[in-house]
C-alpha atoms as a PDB file:
ATOM      1  CA  MET A   1     148.824 244.219 211.773  1.00  0.00           C
ATOM      2  CA  ALA A   2     147.585 244.681 207.870  1.00  0.00           C
ATOM      3  CA  ALA A   3     150.172 243.960 205.176  1.00  0.00           C
ATOM      4  CA  GLU A   4     152.731 246.800 203.872  1.00  0.00           C
ATOM      5  CA  VAL A   5     151.524 247.925 200.446  1.00  0.00           C
ATOM      6  CA  LEU A   6     154.189 250.762 199.618  1.00  0.00           C
ATOM      7  CA  ALA A   7     157.214 252.102 201.558  1.00  0.00           C
ATOM      8  CA  LEU A   8     159.632 254.754 200.935  1.00  0.00           C
ATOM      9  CA  HIS A   9     162.669 254.484 202.944  1.00  0.00           C
ATOM     10  CA  GLU A  10     165.007 257.283 202.946  1.00  0.00           C
ATOM     11  CA  VAL A  11     164.311 258.459 199.459  1.00  0.00           C
ATOM     12  CA  ASP A  12     166.222 261.233 197.792  1.00  0.00           C
ATOM     13  CA  VAL A  13     164.688 262.731 194.686  1.00  0.00           C
ATOM     14  CA  PHE A  14     166.580 265.318 192.654  1.00  0.00           C
ATOM     15  CA  TYR A  15     164.911 267.162 189.158  1.00  0.00           C
ATOM     16  CA  GLY A  16     168.449 267.937 187.336  1.00  0.00           C
ATOM     17  CA  PRO A  17     170.669 269.596 190.008  1.00  0.00           C
ATOM     18  CA  VAL A  18     167.697 270.573 192.376  1.00  0.00           C
ATOM     19  CA  GLN A  19     166.845 268.119 195.315  1.00  0.00           C
ATOM     20  CA  ALA A  20     163.057 267.853 195.915  1.00  0.00           C
ATOM     21  CA  LEU A  21     162.932 265.209 198.325  1.00  0.00           C
ATOM     22  CA  TYR A  22     165.519 264.391 201.286  1.00  0.00           C
ATOM     23  CA  LYS A  23     165.639 260.997 203.194  1.00  0.00           C
ATOM     24  CA  VAL A  24     161.742 260.723 202.859  1.00  0.00           C
ATOM     25  CA  SER A  25     160.308 257.459 204.637  1.00  0.00           C
ATOM     26  CA  LEU A  26     156.573 256.804 204.773  1.00  0.00           C
ATOM     27  CA  HIS A  27     154.224 253.435 204.504  1.00  0.00           C
ATOM     28  CA  VAL A  28     151.083 252.743 203.634  1.00  0.00           C
ATOM     29  CA  ARG A  29     149.313 249.532 205.152  1.00  0.00           C
ATOM     30  CA  GLN A  30     146.391 247.565 203.288  1.00  0.00           C
ATOM     31  CA  GLY A  31     142.975 249.284 203.849  1.00  0.00           C
ATOM     32  CA  GLU A  32     144.638 252.592 205.149  1.00  0.00           C
ATOM     33  CA  VAL A  33     144.397 256.008 203.782  1.00  0.00           C
ATOM     34  CA  VAL A  34     147.399 257.780 204.376  1.00  0.00           C
ATOM     35  CA  VAL A  35     147.654 261.629 203.330  1.00  0.00           C
ATOM     36  CA  VAL A  36     150.786 263.724 202.655  1.00  0.00           C
ATOM     37  CA  LEU A  37     150.454 267.410 203.560  1.00  0.00           C
ATOM     38  CA  GLY A  38     152.252 270.321 203.003  1.00  0.00           C
ATOM     39  CA  GLY A  39     152.425 273.743 201.005  1.00  0.00           C
ATOM     40  CA  ASN A  40     153.618 274.555 197.722  1.00  0.00           C
ATOM     41  CA  ALA A  41     157.151 273.025 196.664  1.00  0.00           C
ATOM     42  CA  SER A  42     156.890 270.942 199.860  1.00  0.00           C
ATOM     43  CA  GLY A  43     157.589 267.561 197.867  1.00  0.00           C
ATOM     44  CA  LYS A  44     153.998 266.247 197.944  1.00  0.00           C
ATOM     45  CA  SER A  45     153.629 265.499 194.280  1.00  0.00           C
ATOM     46  CA  THR A  46     157.247 264.295 193.968  1.00  0.00           C
ATOM     47  CA  THR A  47     156.470 261.611 196.639  1.00  0.00           C
ATOM     48  CA  VAL A  48     153.297 260.275 194.628  1.00  0.00           C
ATOM     49  CA  LYS A  49     155.360 260.595 191.277  1.00  0.00           C
ATOM     50  CA  THR A  50     158.121 258.435 193.070  1.00  0.00           C
ATOM     51  CA  ALA A  51     155.755 255.905 194.073  1.00  0.00           C
ATOM     52  CA  LEU A  52     154.343 255.924 190.560  1.00  0.00           C
ATOM     53  CA  GLY A  53     157.591 255.487 188.736  1.00  0.00           C
ATOM     54  CA  LEU A  54     157.247 258.731 187.047  1.00  0.00           C
ATOM     55  CA  VAL A  55     160.621 260.086 188.927  1.00  0.00           C
ATOM     56  CA  ARG A  56     163.336 257.877 190.231  1.00  0.00           C
ATOM     57  CA  PRO A  57     165.224 258.139 193.631  1.00  0.00           C
ATOM     58  CA  ALA A  58     168.823 258.923 193.472  1.00  0.00           C
ATOM     59  CA  ARG A  59     169.007 257.212 196.843  1.00  0.00           C
ATOM     60  CA  GLY A  60     166.755 254.937 199.030  1.00  0.00           C
ATOM     61  CA  GLU A  61     164.339 252.337 198.375  1.00  0.00           C
ATOM     62  CA  VAL A  62     160.679 252.184 197.267  1.00  0.00           C
ATOM     63  CA  ARG A  63     158.845 249.195 197.844  1.00  0.00           C
ATOM     64  CA  LEU A  64     155.743 247.924 196.494  1.00  0.00           C
ATOM     65  CA  HIS A  65     153.882 244.840 198.175  1.00  0.00           C
ATOM     66  CA  GLY A  66     157.290 244.129 199.611  1.00  0.00           C
ATOM     67  CA  ARG A  67     159.159 244.213 196.424  1.00  0.00           C
ATOM     68  CA  CYS A  68     161.838 246.883 195.549  1.00  0.00           C
ATOM     69  CA  ILE A  69     160.620 248.513 192.496  1.00  0.00           C
ATOM     70  CA  ASN A  70     163.641 251.210 192.321  1.00  0.00           C
ATOM     71  CA  GLY A  71     164.054 251.699 188.524  1.00  0.00           C
ATOM     72  CA  TRP A  72     160.673 250.080 187.340  1.00  0.00           C
ATOM     73  CA  SER A  73     158.756 251.703 184.374  1.00  0.00           C
ATOM     74  CA  THR A  74     155.273 253.331 185.502  1.00  0.00           C
ATOM     75  CA  HIS A  75     153.495 250.876 183.130  1.00  0.00           C
ATOM     76  CA  ARG A  76     155.154 247.913 184.973  1.00  0.00           C
ATOM     77  CA  ILE A  77     154.076 249.380 188.421  1.00  0.00           C
ATOM     78  CA  ILE A  78     150.480 249.957 186.932  1.00  0.00           C
ATOM     79  CA  ARG A  79     150.280 246.284 186.177  1.00  0.00           C
ATOM     80  CA  GLN A  80     151.014 245.449 189.660  1.00  0.00           C
ATOM     81  CA  GLY A  81     147.686 246.748 190.856  1.00  0.00           C
ATOM     82  CA  VAL A  82     148.390 250.572 191.320  1.00  0.00           C
ATOM     83  CA  ALA A  83     146.042 253.229 189.960  1.00  0.00           C
ATOM     84  CA  SER A  84     146.509 257.062 189.790  1.00  0.00           C
ATOM     85  CA  ILE A  85     143.959 260.205 190.010  1.00  0.00           C
ATOM     86  CA  PRO A  86     146.574 262.582 188.937  1.00  0.00           C
ATOM     87  CA  GLU A  87     146.612 266.397 189.570  1.00  0.00           C
ATOM     88  CA  GLY A  88     144.383 268.351 187.291  1.00  0.00           C
ATOM     89  CA  ARG A  89     142.214 265.148 186.173  1.00  0.00           C
ATOM     90  CA  ARG A  90     143.975 264.530 183.105  1.00  0.00           C
ATOM     91  CA  VAL A  91     140.731 263.096 181.247  1.00  0.00           C
ATOM     92  CA  PHE A  92     140.704 262.790 177.524  1.00  0.00           C
ATOM     93  CA  PRO A  93     138.620 265.426 176.108  1.00  0.00           C
ATOM     94  CA  GLU A  94     137.540 264.215 172.857  1.00  0.00           C
ATOM     95  CA  MET A  95     136.602 260.719 174.178  1.00  0.00           C
ATOM     96  CA  THR A  96     133.292 259.843 175.903  1.00  0.00           C
ATOM     97  CA  VAL A  97     132.892 259.510 179.429  1.00  0.00           C
ATOM     98  CA  ARG A  98     132.476 255.711 179.096  1.00  0.00           C
ATOM     99  CA  GLU A  99     135.495 255.240 177.086  1.00  0.00           C
ATOM    100  CA  ASN A 100     137.617 257.289 179.669  1.00  0.00           C
ATOM    101  CA  ILE A 101     136.378 255.044 182.478  1.00  0.00           C
ATOM    102  CA  LEU A 102     137.168 251.766 180.425  1.00  0.00           C
ATOM    103  CA  LEU A 103     140.518 253.058 179.854  1.00  0.00           C
ATOM    104  CA  GLY A 104     141.007 252.488 183.415  1.00  0.00           C
ATOM    105  CA  ALA A 105     140.276 248.985 183.078  1.00  0.00           C
ATOM    106  CA  TYR A 106     142.643 248.276 179.859  1.00  0.00           C
ATOM    107  CA  VAL A 107     144.789 246.273 182.325  1.00  0.00           C
ATOM    108  CA  ARG A 108     141.893 243.792 182.971  1.00  0.00           C
ATOM    109  CA  ARG A 109     140.876 243.539 179.292  1.00  0.00           C
ATOM    110  CA  ARG A 110     141.235 239.778 179.319  1.00  0.00           C
ATOM    111  CA  GLU A 111     138.619 239.412 182.208  1.00  0.00           C
ATOM    112  CA  GLY A 112     135.692 239.476 179.935  1.00  0.00           C
ATOM    113  CA  ARG A 113     133.271 242.189 178.574  1.00  0.00           C
ATOM    114  CA  LYS A 114     130.315 241.109 181.067  1.00  0.00           C
ATOM    115  CA  ARG A 115     132.593 241.837 184.188  1.00  0.00           C
ATOM    116  CA  LEU A 116     133.762 245.004 183.050  1.00  0.00           C
ATOM    117  CA  GLU A 117     130.184 246.237 182.196  1.00  0.00           C
ATOM    118  CA  GLU A 118     128.869 245.178 185.711  1.00  0.00           C
ATOM    119  CA  ASP A 119     131.985 247.211 187.302  1.00  0.00           C
ATOM    120  CA  LEU A 120     130.944 250.255 184.677  1.00  0.00           C
ATOM    121  CA  GLU A 121     127.435 250.112 186.212  1.00  0.00           C
ATOM    122  CA  HIS A 122     128.876 250.063 189.774  1.00  0.00           C
ATOM    123  CA  ALA A 123     131.078 253.030 188.856  1.00  0.00           C
ATOM    124  CA  VAL A 124     127.975 255.040 187.655  1.00  0.00           C
ATOM    125  CA  ALA A 125     126.524 254.066 191.074  1.00  0.00           C
ATOM    126  CA  LEU A 126     129.245 255.034 192.860  1.00  0.00           C
ATOM    127  CA  PHE A 127     129.505 258.382 190.765  1.00  0.00           C
ATOM    128  CA  PRO A 128     126.060 259.351 190.323  1.00  0.00           C
ATOM    129  CA  SER A 129     127.181 262.596 188.512  1.00  0.00           C
ATOM    130  CA  LEU A 130     128.141 260.350 185.667  1.00  0.00           C
ATOM    131  CA  ALA A 131     124.826 258.946 185.373  1.00  0.00           C
ATOM    132  CA  GLY A 132     123.155 259.521 181.788  1.00  0.00           C
ATOM    133  CA  ARG A 133     126.479 261.071 180.677  1.00  0.00           C
ATOM    134  CA  LEU A 134     128.277 257.874 179.472  1.00  0.00           C
ATOM    135  CA  ASP A 135     128.173 259.096 175.706  1.00  0.00           C
ATOM    136  CA  GLN A 136     128.874 262.372 176.224  1.00  0.00           C
ATOM    137  CA  LEU A 137     132.327 264.093 175.372  1.00  0.00           C
ATOM    138  CA  ALA A 138     134.566 264.092 178.504  1.00  0.00           C
ATOM    139  CA  GLY A 139     136.020 267.454 177.627  1.00  0.00           C
ATOM    140  CA  THR A 140     132.195 269.298 177.855  1.00  0.00           C
ATOM    141  CA  LEU A 141     131.939 268.339 181.576  1.00  0.00           C
ATOM    142  CA  SER A 142     132.644 270.694 184.311  1.00  0.00           C
ATOM    143  CA  GLY A 143     135.756 270.637 186.191  1.00  0.00           C
ATOM    144  CA  GLY A 144     134.009 268.931 188.988  1.00  0.00           C
ATOM    145  CA  GLU A 145     132.431 266.258 186.830  1.00  0.00           C
ATOM    146  CA  GLN A 146     135.902 265.596 185.374  1.00  0.00           C
ATOM    147  CA  GLN A 147     137.144 264.910 188.862  1.00  0.00           C
ATOM    148  CA  MET A 148     134.478 262.478 189.362  1.00  0.00           C
ATOM    149  CA  LEU A 149     135.504 260.918 186.068  1.00  0.00           C
ATOM    150  CA  ALA A 150     138.832 260.613 186.839  1.00  0.00           C
ATOM    151  CA  MET A 151     138.031 259.034 189.960  1.00  0.00           C
ATOM    152  CA  ALA A 152     135.819 256.526 188.553  1.00  0.00           C
ATOM    153  CA  ARG A 153     138.545 255.772 185.803  1.00  0.00           C
ATOM    154  CA  ALA A 154     140.888 254.816 188.693  1.00  0.00           C
ATOM    155  CA  TRP A 155     138.194 252.823 190.700  1.00  0.00           C
ATOM    156  CA  ILE A 156     137.431 250.703 187.721  1.00  0.00           C
ATOM    157  CA  ARG A 157     140.941 249.462 187.905  1.00  0.00           C
ATOM    158  CA  ARG A 158     140.131 247.751 191.098  1.00  0.00           C
ATOM    159  CA  PRO A 159     143.738 248.817 192.609  1.00  0.00           C
ATOM    160  CA  SER A 160     145.507 247.474 195.339  1.00  0.00           C
ATOM    161  CA  LEU A 161     146.741 250.993 195.961  1.00  0.00           C
ATOM    162  CA  LEU A 162     145.355 254.354 194.765  1.00  0.00           C
ATOM    163  CA  CYS A 163     147.136 257.273 194.382  1.00  0.00           C
ATOM    164  CA  ILE A 164     145.659 260.789 194.668  1.00  0.00           C
ATOM    165  CA  ASP A 165     147.452 263.781 193.785  1.00  0.00           C
ATOM    166  CA  GLU A 166     145.214 267.010 195.041  1.00  0.00           C
ATOM    167  CA  PRO A 167     141.927 265.760 194.829  1.00  0.00           C
ATOM    168  CA  SER A 168     140.282 269.228 195.770  1.00  0.00           C
ATOM    169  CA  MET A 169     142.612 271.249 193.500  1.00  0.00           C
ATOM    170  CA  GLY A 170     140.496 273.861 191.337  1.00  0.00           C
ATOM    171  CA  LEU A 171     136.974 272.590 192.481  1.00  0.00           C
ATOM    172  CA  SER A 172     133.865 274.486 194.026  1.00  0.00           C
ATOM    173  CA  PRO A 173     133.253 273.763 197.738  1.00  0.00           C
ATOM    174  CA  LEU A 174     130.210 271.756 196.333  1.00  0.00           C
ATOM    175  CA  TYR A 175     132.451 269.364 194.608  1.00  0.00           C
ATOM    176  CA  VAL A 176     134.995 269.180 197.175  1.00  0.00           C
ATOM    177  CA  ASP A 177     132.353 267.826 199.549  1.00  0.00           C
ATOM    178  CA  LYS A 178     131.387 265.485 196.488  1.00  0.00           C
ATOM    179  CA  VAL A 179     134.892 264.081 196.327  1.00  0.00           C
ATOM    180  CA  TYR A 180     135.503 263.386 199.867  1.00  0.00           C
ATOM    181  CA  GLU A 181     132.194 261.764 200.006  1.00  0.00           C
ATOM    182  CA  VAL A 182     133.287 259.379 197.466  1.00  0.00           C
ATOM    183  CA  ILE A 183     136.870 259.028 199.120  1.00  0.00           C
ATOM    184  CA  ALA A 184     134.996 258.147 202.197  1.00  0.00           C
ATOM    185  CA  ARG A 185     133.123 255.495 200.394  1.00  0.00           C
ATOM    186  CA  LEU A 186     136.196 254.021 198.875  1.00  0.00           C
ATOM    187  CA  LYS A 187     137.669 253.696 202.277  1.00  0.00           C
ATOM    188  CA  ALA A 188     134.805 251.859 203.662  1.00  0.00           C
ATOM    189  CA  GLU A 189     135.237 249.534 200.478  1.00  0.00           C
ATOM    190  CA  GLY A 190     138.409 248.846 202.015  1.00  0.00           C
ATOM    191  CA  VAL A 191     140.590 250.420 199.053  1.00  0.00           C
ATOM    192  CA  THR A 192     143.912 251.366 199.922  1.00  0.00           C
ATOM    193  CA  MET A 193     145.075 255.092 199.222  1.00  0.00           C
ATOM    194  CA  LEU A 194     147.897 257.412 199.208  1.00  0.00           C
ATOM    195  CA  MET A 195     146.593 260.852 198.895  1.00  0.00           C
ATOM    196  CA  VAL A 196     148.455 264.251 198.993  1.00  0.00           C
ATOM    197  CA  GLU A 197     146.539 267.296 199.527  1.00  0.00           C
ATOM    198  CA  GLN A 198     146.585 270.919 200.616  1.00  0.00           C
ATOM    199  CA  SER A 199     143.202 271.045 202.244  1.00  0.00           C
ATOM    200  CA  ALA A 200     144.309 269.479 205.234  1.00  0.00           C
ATOM    201  CA  ASN A 201     141.131 269.658 207.135  1.00  0.00           C
ATOM    202  CA  ARG A 202     139.329 267.492 204.788  1.00  0.00           C
ATOM    203  CA  ALA A 203     142.109 265.228 204.111  1.00  0.00           C
ATOM    204  CA  LEU A 204     142.455 264.462 207.761  1.00  0.00           C
ATOM    205  CA  GLU A 205     138.887 263.767 208.369  1.00  0.00           C
ATOM    206  CA  VAL A 206     139.287 260.659 206.180  1.00  0.00           C
ATOM    207  CA  ALA A 207     142.581 259.647 206.477  1.00  0.00           C
ATOM    208  CA  ASP A 208     144.280 256.916 208.888  1.00  0.00           C
ATOM    209  CA  ARG A 209     147.521 258.558 209.174  1.00  0.00           C
ATOM    210  CA  ALA A 210     149.536 261.592 207.579  1.00  0.00           C
ATOM    211  CA  TYR A 211     152.947 263.114 207.120  1.00  0.00           C
ATOM    212  CA  VAL A 212     153.591 266.727 206.940  1.00  0.00           C
ATOM    213  CA  LEU A 213     156.336 267.704 204.401  1.00  0.00           C
ATOM    214  CA  GLN A 214     158.146 270.878 204.329  1.00  0.00           C
ATOM    215  CA  ASN A 215     161.086 271.665 202.004  1.00  0.00           C
ATOM    216  CA  GLY A 216     161.102 267.977 200.675  1.00  0.00           C
ATOM    217  CA  ARG A 217     161.498 266.625 204.258  1.00  0.00           C
ATOM    218  CA  VAL A 218     159.016 264.683 206.471  1.00  0.00           C
ATOM    219  CA  VAL A 219     158.898 267.172 209.795  1.00  0.00           C
ATOM    220  CA  LEU A 220     155.815 265.301 211.401  1.00  0.00           C
ATOM    221  CA  GLU A 221     154.055 262.225 211.161  1.00  0.00           C
ATOM    222  CA  GLY A 222     151.460 260.365 213.342  1.00  0.00           C
ATOM    223  CA  SER A 223     147.707 259.287 213.319  1.00  0.00           C
ATOM    224  CA  ALA A 224     145.520 261.696 211.831  1.00  0.00           C
ATOM    225  CA  GLN A 225     143.669 262.438 214.998  1.00  0.00           C
ATOM    226  CA  GLU A 226     147.206 263.350 216.457  1.00  0.00           C
ATOM    227  CA  LEU A 227     148.008 265.768 213.945  1.00  0.00           C
ATOM    228  CA  ILE A 228     144.253 267.457 214.130  1.00  0.00           C
ATOM    229  CA  ARG A 229     145.405 268.021 217.496  1.00  0.00           C
ATOM    230  CA  ASN A 230     149.172 269.180 216.976  1.00  0.00           C
ATOM    231  CA  PRO A 231     149.158 272.888 217.742  1.00  0.00           C
ATOM    232  CA  ALA A 232     151.872 273.419 215.043  1.00  0.00           C
ATOM    233  CA  VAL A 233     149.695 271.744 212.302  1.00  0.00           C
ATOM    234  CA  GLN A 234     146.520 273.632 213.418  1.00  0.00           C
ATOM    235  CA  ARG A 235     148.569 277.098 213.206  1.00  0.00           C
ATOM    236  CA  ALA A 236     150.055 276.373 210.039  1.00  0.00           C
ATOM    237  CA  TYR A 237     147.571 274.324 208.074  1.00  0.00           C
ATOM    238  CA  LEU A 238     143.941 273.937 210.006  1.00  0.00           C
ATOM    239  CA  GLY A 239     143.301 277.836 210.337  1.00  0.00           C
ATOM    240  CA  GLY A 240     144.508 280.282 212.805  1.00  0.00           C
ATOM    241  CA  GLU A 241     147.546 282.167 211.969  1.00  0.00           C
ATOM    242  CA  ARG A 242     147.660 281.480 208.446  1.00  0.00           C
ATOM    243  CA  ARG A 243     151.205 280.675 206.890  1.00  0.00           C
ATOM    244  CA  GLU A 244     153.074 278.309 204.879  1.00  0.00           C
ATOM    245  CA  GLY A 245     154.620 275.466 206.790  1.00  0.00           C
ATOM    246  CA  LEU A 246     156.053 275.154 210.141  1.00  0.00           C
ATOM    247  CA  GLY A 247     158.668 277.089 211.927  1.00  0.00           C
ATOM    248  CA  SER A 248     161.883 275.500 213.381  1.00  0.00           C
ATOM    249  CA  GLU A 249     161.129 276.006 216.873  1.00  0.00           C
ATOM    250  CA  GLU A 250     157.679 274.397 216.622  1.00  0.00           C
ATOM    251  CA  LEU A 251     159.468 271.481 214.721  1.00  0.00           C
ATOM    252  CA  ASP A 252     161.654 270.996 217.893  1.00  0.00           C
ATOM    253  CA  ARG A 253     158.737 270.884 219.960  1.00  0.00           C
ATOM    254  CA  GLU A 254     156.424 269.151 217.987  1.00  0.00           C
ATOM    255  CA  ARG A 255     158.187 266.695 215.868  1.00  0.00           C
ATOM    256  CA  ALA A 256     156.579 263.015 215.882  1.00  0.00           C
ATOM    257  CA  PRO A 257     158.382 259.684 215.937  1.00  0.00           C
ATOM    258  CA  ARG A 258     159.566 258.323 212.463  1.00  0.00           C
ATOM    259  CA  GLY A 259     157.627 255.679 211.113  1.00  0.00           C
ATOM    260  CA  GLU A 260     158.777 252.170 210.086  1.00  0.00           C
ATOM    261  CA  ALA A 261     161.801 251.950 207.762  1.00  0.00           C
ATOM    262  CA  CYS A 262     161.825 248.855 205.274  1.00  0.00           C
ATOM    263  CA  GLU A 263     164.886 247.029 205.113  1.00  0.00           C
ATOM    264  CA  PRO A 264     166.554 246.675 201.647  1.00  0.00           C
ATOM    265  CA  GLU A 265     165.641 243.152 199.476  1.00  0.00           C
ATOM    266  CA  LEU A 266     168.494 241.589 197.694  1.00  0.00           C
ATOM    267  CA  GLY A 267     168.262 240.127 194.561  1.00  0.00           C
ATOM    268  CA  GLU A 268     165.421 241.701 192.782  1.00  0.00           C
ATOM    269  CA  ALA A 269     165.436 242.320 189.276  1.00  0.00           C
ATOM    270  CA  THR A 270     164.242 245.684 188.143  1.00  0.00           C
ATOM    271  CA  ALA A 271     162.969 246.800 184.875  1.00  0.00           C
END
């Protein structure tokens, strides 16, 4: 069995007095693509933010490569090999495409210019829509091209874990196809990914396993193929009777077994 890269164990997260996650447990193993599905305000983005240290759990534990990272700063987590493609792309509009991509390699700056230039060439090959645009300002790109740029910036980090937040949001169908073609290529290269997404059809096509969140709770989990065949998921997220989330009777019938829990690790210092 592949090594565990990331695990959340019974994590509670609050925004002020409002609780966003309730005892959320999930794990991602090396080489896996794991997707977190759910509607608006389900807790999907908060799950990724918790993994990145952007929000901190009030209870529970977050583990990266077997180490408890509760309380770690985001930059410390990034130094452990994590990269992020945030919701809304977040490129630097007044910088060139080349400069934006190379920002993703900032933590690799001591590796030497030649190696980074080789990876820049690889990134352009992986994201051909950026070819010929390296000296163009990022703010002049289309939304789909900016998404490709955000993905290239994360890829050049050579991450041990890539966190992707809503990769298809706001994109045309053409660029949604391109984004998922790239995600499939990254998977073929062995990149480990945690992705949150509302587009369940496309996400489950590339994922190995999936979790469904509703009102901050994991209500279903299993292999991607199991969830594709799950009648409750089909009705709520894959067409049919379009509605937000799963009903309580469906949850009683369809709830999948919980995933592995991570045991507390004693003596780990935090930032």
